Amino acid sequence: MRNDNEPSEETKNEWENDPDNWIWGMFYYNPKDKRSYFPKRIKEFGWHANYADPNYIVIVLLLVAVIVLFIKYAR
């Protein structure tokens, strides 16, 4: 079942194929798309991240903080 607020698969594909939603051709930035991650066209190659999603920014900042703390206190 689909959520009524969720865009259709066709809309999601249009967003992914729109060059205006890609910064330098490699960073996906679309505030209308609420997905944090979505599979690449060839699913075996991994996932893309939506840099416009605030949840993704929080995840990245937490990851960087953990890495910095690990490097600082691992000695």
Protein backbone atom coordinates (compact mmCIF):
# COMPACT_ATOMS: atom_id res chain seq x y z
CA MET A 1 0.00 0.00 0.00
CA ARG A 2 1.19 3.44 -0.89
CA ASN A 3 0.96 6.48 1.34
CA ASP A 4 -1.21 9.17 -0.30
CA ASN A 5 1.53 11.77 0.26
CA GLU A 6 4.20 9.58 -1.32
CA PRO A 7 4.99 10.39 -4.97
CA SER A 8 4.52 7.73 -7.61
CA GLU A 9 7.41 5.65 -8.95
CA GLU A 10 7.12 7.59 -12.22
CA THR A 11 7.61 10.90 -10.38
CA LYS A 12 10.59 9.49 -8.46
CA ASN A 13 12.17 8.32 -11.72
CA GLU A 14 11.63 11.76 -13.29
CA TRP A 15 13.34 13.38 -10.29
CA GLU A 16 16.29 10.99 -10.51
CA ASN A 17 16.70 11.59 -14.25
CA ASP A 18 16.37 15.39 -14.03
CA PRO A 19 19.87 16.93 -14.36
CA ASP A 20 18.74 19.95 -12.32
CA ASN A 21 18.53 17.69 -9.24
CA TRP A 22 22.19 16.71 -9.50
CA ILE A 23 25.04 18.95 -8.34
CA TRP A 24 28.13 18.45 -10.53
CA GLY A 25 26.45 15.33 -11.87
CA MET A 26 27.20 13.31 -8.73
CA PHE A 27 25.38 14.77 -5.71
CA TYR A 28 21.59 14.34 -5.63
CA TYR A 29 19.86 17.40 -4.12
CA ASN A 30 16.06 17.47 -4.30
CA PRO A 31 14.07 18.98 -1.39
CA LYS A 32 10.82 17.60 -2.84
CA ASP A 33 12.11 14.03 -2.53
CA LYS A 34 11.75 12.88 1.08
CA ARG A 35 13.89 9.75 0.69
CA SER A 36 17.25 9.90 2.45
CA TYR A 37 18.64 7.08 0.34
CA PHE A 38 17.55 5.37 -2.86
CA PRO A 39 19.12 2.60 -4.94
CA LYS A 40 21.35 3.41 -7.88
CA ARG A 41 20.17 2.50 -11.36
CA ILE A 42 22.25 -0.66 -11.19
CA LYS A 43 21.21 -1.82 -7.72
CA GLU A 44 24.38 -3.85 -7.14
CA PHE A 45 26.41 -0.62 -7.17
CA GLY A 46 24.85 0.67 -3.95
CA TRP A 47 22.79 3.66 -2.97
CA HIS A 48 22.56 7.40 -3.61
CA ALA A 49 21.97 9.91 -0.83
CA ASN A 50 19.68 12.92 -1.01
CA TYR A 51 21.76 15.81 0.31
CA ALA A 52 18.64 17.98 0.65
CA ASP A 53 17.19 15.71 3.36
CA PRO A 54 17.87 17.12 6.85
CA ASN A 55 18.00 13.59 8.30
CA TYR A 56 20.91 12.75 6.03
CA ILE A 57 22.83 15.85 7.16
CA VAL A 58 22.38 14.82 10.82
CA ILE A 59 23.58 11.29 10.05
CA VAL A 60 26.69 12.60 8.27
CA LEU A 61 27.51 15.01 11.11
CA LEU A 62 27.15 12.25 13.70
CA LEU A 63 29.36 9.94 11.65
CA VAL A 64 32.05 12.61 11.31
CA ALA A 65 31.88 13.31 15.07
CA VAL A 66 32.30 9.61 15.88
CA ILE A 67 35.28 9.33 13.54
CA VAL A 68 36.93 12.43 14.99
CA LEU A 69 36.41 11.20 18.55
CA PHE A 70 37.74 7.77 17.67
CA ILE A 71 40.87 9.27 16.10
CA LYS A 72 41.40 11.61 19.03
CA TYR A 73 40.98 9.02 21.81
CA ALA A 74 42.22 5.83 20.09
CA ARG A 75 45.84 6.50 20.98
